[in-house]
Amino acid sequence: MSDAASPDVAALSKQLASTDPEQRAAAAELLSRAGEEAAAAAVPLVTACGDADERVREFAVAALEDLGTPSAADVAPLIKLVDSPHPLAAYWAVTLLGRSGKDAADAVAVLVASVESSTELSVRQRAAWALGKIGPAAAAARGTLKRAVGQGDERLARLANEALEAIGG
């Protein structure tokens, strides 16, 4: 996006919390077109993945796909969203923590808990991936990742093995 067309990300982030689904969908759509410029809206976009309106969820996911790495300041609120009752929000919180790499070292415990006990296989898989992206700072996850290898899901096993290699274990 050119500077002339740069969105007001702060205003759009607030609009994502509107009581009007049309306003929320419009904000999410504009953010989905902003690419990495929407990075400041990372946490509201993850929250919007749990919206009751399907359009809001779809545009929020589209925005998150192109968002890049969130800021270090977003790690703590993203950690809280990992336990969201909305699987899509939990998935994207975990994904953004993984994209944060070693900056998300504080998320290791919640990611371990996700690998161990999330009811959503996609969240468990993504949490294993995220632990690998954190790297050696996720050393406390070794036991959980080793157990995940033997849980019968090929993708989870592959991601857990890749994470163990990245962690050094």
Protein backbone atom coordinates (compact mmCIF):
# COMPACT_ATOMS: atom_id res chain seq x y z
CA MET A 1 0.00 0.00 0.00
CA SER A 2 1.24 3.47 -0.72
CA ASP A 3 1.50 6.03 2.05
CA ALA A 4 -1.46 7.94 0.60
CA ALA A 5 -3.64 4.86 0.97
CA SER A 6 -2.29 3.72 4.36
CA PRO A 7 -5.12 2.62 6.60
CA ASP A 8 -5.69 4.01 10.06
CA VAL A 9 -4.87 0.73 11.74
CA ALA A 10 -5.65 2.00 15.24
CA ALA A 11 -9.11 3.16 14.19
CA LEU A 12 -9.78 -0.09 12.33
CA SER A 13 -8.65 -2.09 15.37
CA LYS A 14 -11.23 -0.28 17.48
CA GLN A 15 -13.84 -0.81 14.78
CA LEU A 16 -13.25 -4.58 15.05
CA ALA A 17 -14.87 -4.35 18.51
CA SER A 18 -18.00 -2.58 17.23
CA THR A 19 -21.39 -3.99 18.16
CA ASP A 20 -22.35 -3.69 14.47
CA PRO A 21 -21.27 -6.74 12.44
CA GLU A 22 -21.18 -4.63 9.26
CA GLN A 23 -18.65 -2.29 10.88
CA ARG A 24 -16.56 -5.21 12.12
CA ALA A 25 -16.57 -6.86 8.70
CA ALA A 26 -15.64 -3.60 6.96
CA ALA A 27 -12.72 -3.06 9.35
CA ALA A 28 -11.48 -6.63 8.95
CA GLU A 29 -11.74 -6.34 5.17
CA LEU A 30 -9.68 -3.14 5.10
CA LEU A 31 -7.10 -4.70 7.38
CA SER A 32 -6.96 -7.77 5.12
CA ARG A 33 -5.85 -5.49 2.30
CA ALA A 34 -3.20 -3.72 4.38
CA GLY A 35 -0.63 -6.52 4.41
CA GLU A 36 2.15 -6.05 6.94
CA GLU A 37 0.91 -2.52 7.66
CA ALA A 38 -1.85 -4.17 9.71
CA ALA A 39 0.69 -5.65 12.15
CA ALA A 40 -0.38 -3.24 14.89
CA ALA A 41 -3.83 -4.86 14.74
CA ALA A 42 -2.50 -8.38 15.38
CA VAL A 43 -4.24 -8.94 18.72
CA PRO A 44 -7.63 -7.49 17.68
CA LEU A 45 -7.47 -9.56 14.49
CA VAL A 46 -6.82 -12.75 16.45
CA THR A 47 -9.74 -11.87 18.71
CA ALA A 48 -11.87 -11.29 15.60
CA CYS A 49 -11.21 -14.90 14.58
CA GLY A 50 -13.78 -15.77 17.27
CA ASP A 51 -16.40 -13.38 15.90
CA ALA A 52 -19.96 -14.64 15.43
CA ASP A 53 -20.00 -13.20 11.90
CA GLU A 54 -18.37 -15.46 9.29
CA ARG A 55 -17.28 -12.51 7.14
CA VAL A 56 -15.39 -10.98 10.04
CA ARG A 57 -13.62 -14.28 10.70
CA GLU A 58 -12.72 -14.75 7.03
CA PHE A 59 -11.32 -11.23 6.61
CA ALA A 60 -9.46 -11.49 9.92
CA VAL A 61 -7.79 -14.70 8.77
CA ALA A 62 -6.92 -13.10 5.43
CA ALA A 63 -5.28 -10.22 7.28
CA LEU A 64 -3.39 -12.54 9.61
CA GLU A 65 -2.05 -14.61 6.73
CA ASP A 66 -0.16 -11.58 5.39
CA LEU A 67 0.66 -9.95 8.71
CA GLY A 68 4.23 -11.09 9.22
CA THR A 69 5.84 -11.01 12.63
CA PRO A 70 3.89 -9.29 15.41
CA SER A 71 5.60 -6.83 17.74
CA ALA A 72 7.23 -8.06 20.93
CA ALA A 73 4.57 -6.10 22.84
CA ASP A 74 1.92 -8.42 21.38
CA VAL A 75 3.41 -11.58 22.89
CA ALA A 76 1.72 -11.26 26.32
CA PRO A 77 -1.79 -10.62 24.92
CA LEU A 78 -1.31 -13.41 22.38
CA ILE A 79 -0.37 -15.81 25.18
CA LYS A 80 -3.75 -15.06 26.79
CA LEU A 81 -5.54 -15.79 23.50
CA VAL A 82 -4.01 -19.26 23.16
CA ASP A 83 -6.69 -20.49 25.58
CA SER A 84 -9.52 -18.91 23.59
CA PRO A 85 -12.69 -20.99 23.42
CA HIS A 86 -12.67 -20.22 19.69
CA PRO A 87 -10.37 -22.72 17.93
CA LEU A 88 -9.58 -20.32 15.09
CA ALA A 89 -8.50 -17.60 17.52
CA ALA A 90 -6.37 -20.09 19.47
CA TYR A 91 -4.79 -21.31 16.21
CA TRP A 92 -3.86 -17.80 15.13
CA ALA A 93 -2.56 -16.81 18.57
CA VAL A 94 -0.26 -19.84 18.46
CA THR A 95 0.74 -19.05 14.88
CA LEU A 96 1.71 -15.48 15.71
CA LEU A 97 3.66 -16.65 18.75
CA GLY A 98 5.57 -19.00 16.46
CA ARG A 99 6.24 -16.17 14.03
CA SER A 100 7.67 -14.22 16.97
CA GLY A 101 10.40 -16.84 17.37
CA LYS A 102 12.67 -16.44 20.38
CA ASP A 103 10.77 -13.27 21.38
CA ALA A 104 7.94 -15.62 22.40
CA ALA A 105 10.02 -17.57 24.92
CA ASP A 106 7.50 -16.57 27.63
CA ALA A 107 4.88 -18.58 25.71
CA VAL A 108 6.60 -21.95 26.11
CA ALA A 109 4.43 -23.13 29.02
CA VAL A 110 1.14 -22.26 27.31
CA LEU A 111 2.33 -23.82 24.04
CA VAL A 112 3.34 -26.99 25.88
CA ALA A 113 -0.13 -27.09 27.44
CA SER A 114 -1.65 -26.70 23.97
CA VAL A 115 0.38 -29.60 22.55
CA GLU A 116 -0.64 -31.74 25.51
CA SER A 117 -4.29 -30.91 25.91
CA SER A 118 -5.87 -28.81 23.17
CA THR A 119 -9.02 -30.46 21.88
CA GLU A 120 -8.20 -29.13 18.41
CA LEU A 121 -5.60 -31.15 16.54
CA SER A 122 -4.72 -28.15 14.35
CA VAL A 123 -3.89 -26.12 17.48
CA ARG A 124 -1.78 -28.97 18.89
CA GLN A 125 0.10 -29.23 15.61
CA ARG A 126 0.63 -25.49 15.35
CA ALA A 127 1.82 -25.32 18.97
CA ALA A 128 4.47 -27.96 18.22
CA TRP A 129 5.54 -25.91 15.19
CA ALA A 130 5.66 -22.72 17.29
CA LEU A 131 7.86 -24.36 19.92
CA GLY A 132 10.33 -25.18 17.16
CA LYS A 133 10.29 -21.58 15.97
CA ILE A 134 11.13 -20.43 19.49
CA GLY A 135 14.16 -22.70 19.34
CA PRO A 136 16.52 -23.45 22.23
CA ALA A 137 14.52 -21.21 24.58
CA ALA A 138 11.80 -23.88 24.37
CA ALA A 139 14.01 -26.58 25.88
CA ALA A 140 11.42 -27.22 28.61
CA ALA A 141 9.12 -28.59 25.89
CA ARG A 142 11.34 -31.56 24.98
CA GLY A 143 9.39 -34.15 26.99
CA THR A 144 6.04 -33.01 25.63
CA LEU A 145 7.33 -32.98 22.06
CA LYS A 146 8.83 -36.46 22.43
CA ARG A 147 5.45 -37.74 23.67
CA ALA A 148 3.68 -35.96 20.80
CA VAL A 149 5.77 -37.92 18.30
CA GLY A 150 4.10 -41.13 19.43
CA GLN A 151 0.49 -39.94 19.55
CA GLY A 152 -0.54 -41.38 16.20
CA ASP A 153 -0.91 -38.23 14.11
CA GLU A 154 1.72 -38.12 11.35
CA ARG A 155 1.71 -34.34 10.99
CA LEU A 156 1.96 -33.75 14.73
CA ALA A 157 4.83 -36.28 14.87
CA ARG A 158 6.67 -34.55 12.02
CA LEU A 159 6.21 -31.09 13.53
CA ALA A 160 7.26 -32.33 16.97
CA ASN A 161 10.39 -33.93 15.51
CA GLU A 162 11.23 -30.73 13.62
CA ALA A 163 10.73 -28.75 16.83
CA LEU A 164 12.99 -31.09 18.75
CA GLU A 165 15.70 -30.60 16.12
CA ALA A 166 15.32 -26.81 16.31
CA ILE A 167 15.40 -26.85 20.11
CA GLY A 168 18.35 -29.21 20.20
CA GLY A 169 16.87 -32.27 21.71
